[in-house]
C-alpha atoms as a PDB file:
ATOM      1  CA  UNK A   1     -74.890 -31.159  25.049  1.00  0.00           C
ATOM      2  CA  UNK A   2     -77.099 -34.496  25.259  1.00  0.00           C
ATOM      3  CA  UNK A   3     -78.700 -35.599  22.722  1.00  0.00           C
ATOM      4  CA  UNK A   4     -82.367 -36.652  22.681  1.00  0.00           C
ATOM      5  CA  UNK A   5     -82.048 -40.403  23.301  1.00  0.00           C
ATOM      6  CA  UNK A   6     -79.878 -39.549  26.403  1.00  0.00           C
ATOM      7  CA  UNK A   7     -76.362 -39.817  25.037  1.00  0.00           C
ATOM      8  CA  UNK A   8     -73.902 -36.596  25.408  1.00  0.00           C
ATOM      9  CA  UNK A   9     -71.874 -34.782  22.826  1.00  0.00           C
ATOM     10  CA  UNK A  10     -69.503 -31.838  23.392  1.00  0.00           C
ATOM     11  CA  UNK A  11     -68.629 -29.361  20.688  1.00  0.00           C
ATOM     12  CA  UNK A  12     -65.962 -26.786  20.833  1.00  0.00           C
ATOM     13  CA  UNK A  13     -64.375 -24.729  18.089  1.00  0.00           C
ATOM     14  CA  UNK A  14     -61.472 -27.688  17.368  1.00  0.00           C
ATOM     15  CA  UNK A  15     -63.105 -31.058  18.601  1.00  0.00           C
ATOM     16  CA  UNK A  16     -66.796 -32.295  18.447  1.00  0.00           C
ATOM     17  CA  UNK A  17     -67.107 -35.266  20.531  1.00  0.00           C
ATOM     18  CA  UNK A  18     -70.065 -37.820  19.763  1.00  0.00           C
ATOM     19  CA  UNK A  19     -70.818 -40.903  21.831  1.00  0.00           C
ATOM     20  CA  UNK A  20     -69.065 -43.195  19.227  1.00  0.00           C
ATOM     21  CA  UNK A  21     -65.407 -40.702  18.984  1.00  0.00           C
ATOM     22  CA  UNK A  22     -63.975 -37.677  18.570  1.00  0.00           C
ATOM     23  CA  UNK A  23     -63.722 -35.490  15.242  1.00  0.00           C
ATOM     24  CA  UNK A  24     -61.383 -32.993  14.329  1.00  0.00           C
ATOM     25  CA  UNK A  25     -63.142 -29.621  13.777  1.00  0.00           C
ATOM     26  CA  UNK A  26     -61.604 -28.252  10.362  1.00  0.00           C
ATOM     27  CA  UNK A  27     -63.564 -25.428   9.595  1.00  0.00           C
ATOM     28  CA  UNK A  28     -66.849 -23.728  10.565  1.00  0.00           C
ATOM     29  CA  UNK A  29     -69.391 -21.154   9.737  1.00  0.00           C
ATOM     30  CA  UNK A  30     -71.744 -19.754  12.267  1.00  0.00           C
ATOM     31  CA  UNK A  31     -73.361 -17.554  10.098  1.00  0.00           C
ATOM     32  CA  UNK A  32     -73.933 -20.505   7.450  1.00  0.00           C
ATOM     33  CA  UNK A  33     -74.757 -23.098  10.417  1.00  0.00           C
ATOM     34  CA  UNK A  34     -71.641 -25.331   9.348  1.00  0.00           C
ATOM     35  CA  UNK A  35     -68.733 -27.521  10.295  1.00  0.00           C
ATOM     36  CA  UNK A  36     -66.323 -29.570   8.599  1.00  0.00           C
ATOM     37  CA  UNK A  37     -64.987 -32.269  11.078  1.00  0.00           C
ATOM     38  CA  UNK A  38     -62.308 -35.239  10.277  1.00  0.00           C
ATOM     39  CA  UNK A  39     -62.752 -38.133  11.775  1.00  0.00           C
ATOM     40  CA  UNK A  40     -59.583 -39.802  13.721  1.00  0.00           C
ATOM     41  CA  UNK A  41     -57.192 -41.962  12.013  1.00  0.00           C
ATOM     42  CA  UNK A  42     -58.674 -45.121  14.107  1.00  0.00           C
ATOM     43  CA  UNK A  43     -62.104 -44.162  13.400  1.00  0.00           C
ATOM     44  CA  UNK A  44     -63.477 -47.974  12.829  1.00  0.00           C
ATOM     45  CA  UNK A  45     -66.128 -46.864   9.896  1.00  0.00           C
ATOM     46  CA  UNK A  46     -64.146 -43.553   7.975  1.00  0.00           C
ATOM     47  CA  UNK A  47     -60.558 -43.220   9.372  1.00  0.00           C
ATOM     48  CA  UNK A  48     -59.625 -40.028   8.754  1.00  0.00           C
ATOM     49  CA  UNK A  49     -62.562 -39.106   6.182  1.00  0.00           C
ATOM     50  CA  UNK A  50     -64.460 -35.864   6.401  1.00  0.00           C
ATOM     51  CA  UNK A  51     -67.595 -34.968   6.654  1.00  0.00           C
ATOM     52  CA  UNK A  52     -69.926 -32.050   6.413  1.00  0.00           C
ATOM     53  CA  UNK A  53     -72.467 -31.348   9.198  1.00  0.00           C
ATOM     54  CA  UNK A  54     -75.185 -28.469   9.137  1.00  0.00           C
ATOM     55  CA  UNK A  55     -77.594 -27.495  12.075  1.00  0.00           C
ATOM     56  CA  UNK A  56     -80.500 -25.324  12.846  1.00  0.00           C
ATOM     57  CA  UNK A  57     -80.712 -22.303  15.064  1.00  0.00           C
ATOM     58  CA  UNK A  58     -80.929 -22.886  18.705  1.00  0.00           C
ATOM     59  CA  UNK A  59     -84.513 -22.304  20.374  1.00  0.00           C
ATOM     60  CA  UNK A  60     -84.967 -22.917  23.957  1.00  0.00           C
ATOM     61  CA  UNK A  61     -81.226 -24.217  24.882  1.00  0.00           C
ATOM     62  CA  UNK A  62     -81.809 -27.099  21.803  1.00  0.00           C
ATOM     63  CA  UNK A  63     -81.198 -27.281  18.012  1.00  0.00           C
ATOM     64  CA  UNK A  64     -80.501 -30.140  15.775  1.00  0.00           C
ATOM     65  CA  UNK A  65     -78.043 -31.147  13.477  1.00  0.00           C
ATOM     66  CA  UNK A  66     -77.735 -33.260  10.583  1.00  0.00           C
ATOM     67  CA  UNK A  67     -74.571 -34.976   8.965  1.00  0.00           C
ATOM     68  CA  UNK A  68     -74.876 -34.265   4.855  1.00  0.00           C
ATOM     69  CA  UNK A  69     -71.625 -35.694   3.997  1.00  0.00           C
ATOM     70  CA  UNK A  70     -69.694 -38.445   5.430  1.00  0.00           C
ATOM     71  CA  UNK A  71     -66.753 -40.408   4.420  1.00  0.00           C
ATOM     72  CA  UNK A  72     -65.724 -37.940   1.991  1.00  0.00           C
ATOM     73  CA  UNK A  73     -61.721 -38.703   0.883  1.00  0.00           C
ATOM     74  CA  UNK A  74     -60.763 -35.222   1.043  1.00  0.00           C
ATOM     75  CA  UNK A  75     -61.754 -31.820   2.765  1.00  0.00           C
ATOM     76  CA  UNK A  76     -62.599 -29.936  -0.960  1.00  0.00           C
ATOM     77  CA  UNK A  77     -64.704 -33.356  -1.732  1.00  0.00           C
ATOM     78  CA  UNK A  78     -66.947 -32.716   1.301  1.00  0.00           C
ATOM     79  CA  UNK A  79     -66.750 -28.966   0.813  1.00  0.00           C
ATOM     80  CA  UNK A  80     -67.818 -29.652  -3.221  1.00  0.00           C
ATOM     81  CA  UNK A  81     -70.918 -31.679  -2.122  1.00  0.00           C
ATOM     82  CA  UNK A  82     -74.099 -30.372  -3.275  1.00  0.00           C
ATOM     83  CA  UNK A  83     -75.518 -32.727  -0.558  1.00  0.00           C
ATOM     84  CA  UNK A  84     -78.082 -30.460   1.580  1.00  0.00           C
ATOM     85  CA  UNK A  85     -80.715 -31.540   4.269  1.00  0.00           C
ATOM     86  CA  UNK A  86     -84.644 -30.255   4.853  1.00  0.00           C
ATOM     87  CA  UNK A  87     -85.270 -28.829   8.024  1.00  0.00           C
ATOM     88  CA  UNK A  88     -88.950 -28.321   7.862  1.00  0.00           C
ATOM     89  CA  UNK A  89     -89.774 -31.023  10.110  1.00  0.00           C
ATOM     90  CA  UNK A  90     -86.574 -32.109  12.238  1.00  0.00           C
ATOM     91  CA  UNK A  91     -88.026 -34.541  14.270  1.00  0.00           C
ATOM     92  CA  UNK A  92     -89.180 -36.769  11.849  1.00  0.00           C
ATOM     93  CA  UNK A  93     -87.331 -36.493   8.364  1.00  0.00           C
ATOM     94  CA  UNK A  94     -85.083 -34.188   6.041  1.00  0.00           C
ATOM     95  CA  UNK A  95     -81.944 -35.943   6.754  1.00  0.00           C
ATOM     96  CA  UNK A  96     -81.113 -38.703   4.377  1.00  0.00           C
ATOM     97  CA  UNK A  97     -84.291 -40.078   5.037  1.00  0.00           C
ATOM     98  CA  UNK A  98     -84.368 -39.719   8.887  1.00  0.00           C
ATOM     99  CA  UNK A  99     -84.864 -37.037  11.474  1.00  0.00           C
ATOM    100  CA  UNK A 100     -82.254 -34.905  12.274  1.00  0.00           C
ATOM    101  CA  UNK A 101     -80.108 -35.246  15.749  1.00  0.00           C
ATOM    102  CA  UNK A 102     -81.771 -33.209  18.724  1.00  0.00           C
ATOM    103  CA  UNK A 103     -79.207 -31.698  21.318  1.00  0.00           C
ATOM    104  CA  UNK A 104     -80.444 -30.350  24.403  1.00  0.00           C
ATOM    105  CA  UNK A 105     -78.103 -28.214  26.738  1.00  0.00           C
ATOM    106  CA  UNK A 106     -77.133 -29.600  29.806  1.00  0.00           C
ATOM    107  CA  UNK A 107     -78.452 -28.032  32.839  1.00  0.00           C
END
């Protein structure tokens, strides 16, 4: 998929490749629209740390996602976090004070 500013991301059941690196998908739940990722050991900012990503339901070959937890020391801490995101206006806000990232299916 490509993001709204021209970058590219690849999402699979075991990896999420962002423009800045590839994280391992530790767990995901498509019914709850969330995934838990672990950054690689050589990640510049959060080596081996965990994050939680939430997303909206896909519509017209696109969807939005928000990383609500980043840099958690353990998977349990990422899962225990009560941080959420608001998807009422994902283009402008609701993701930690910013808009969500929009991904568009490549054609």
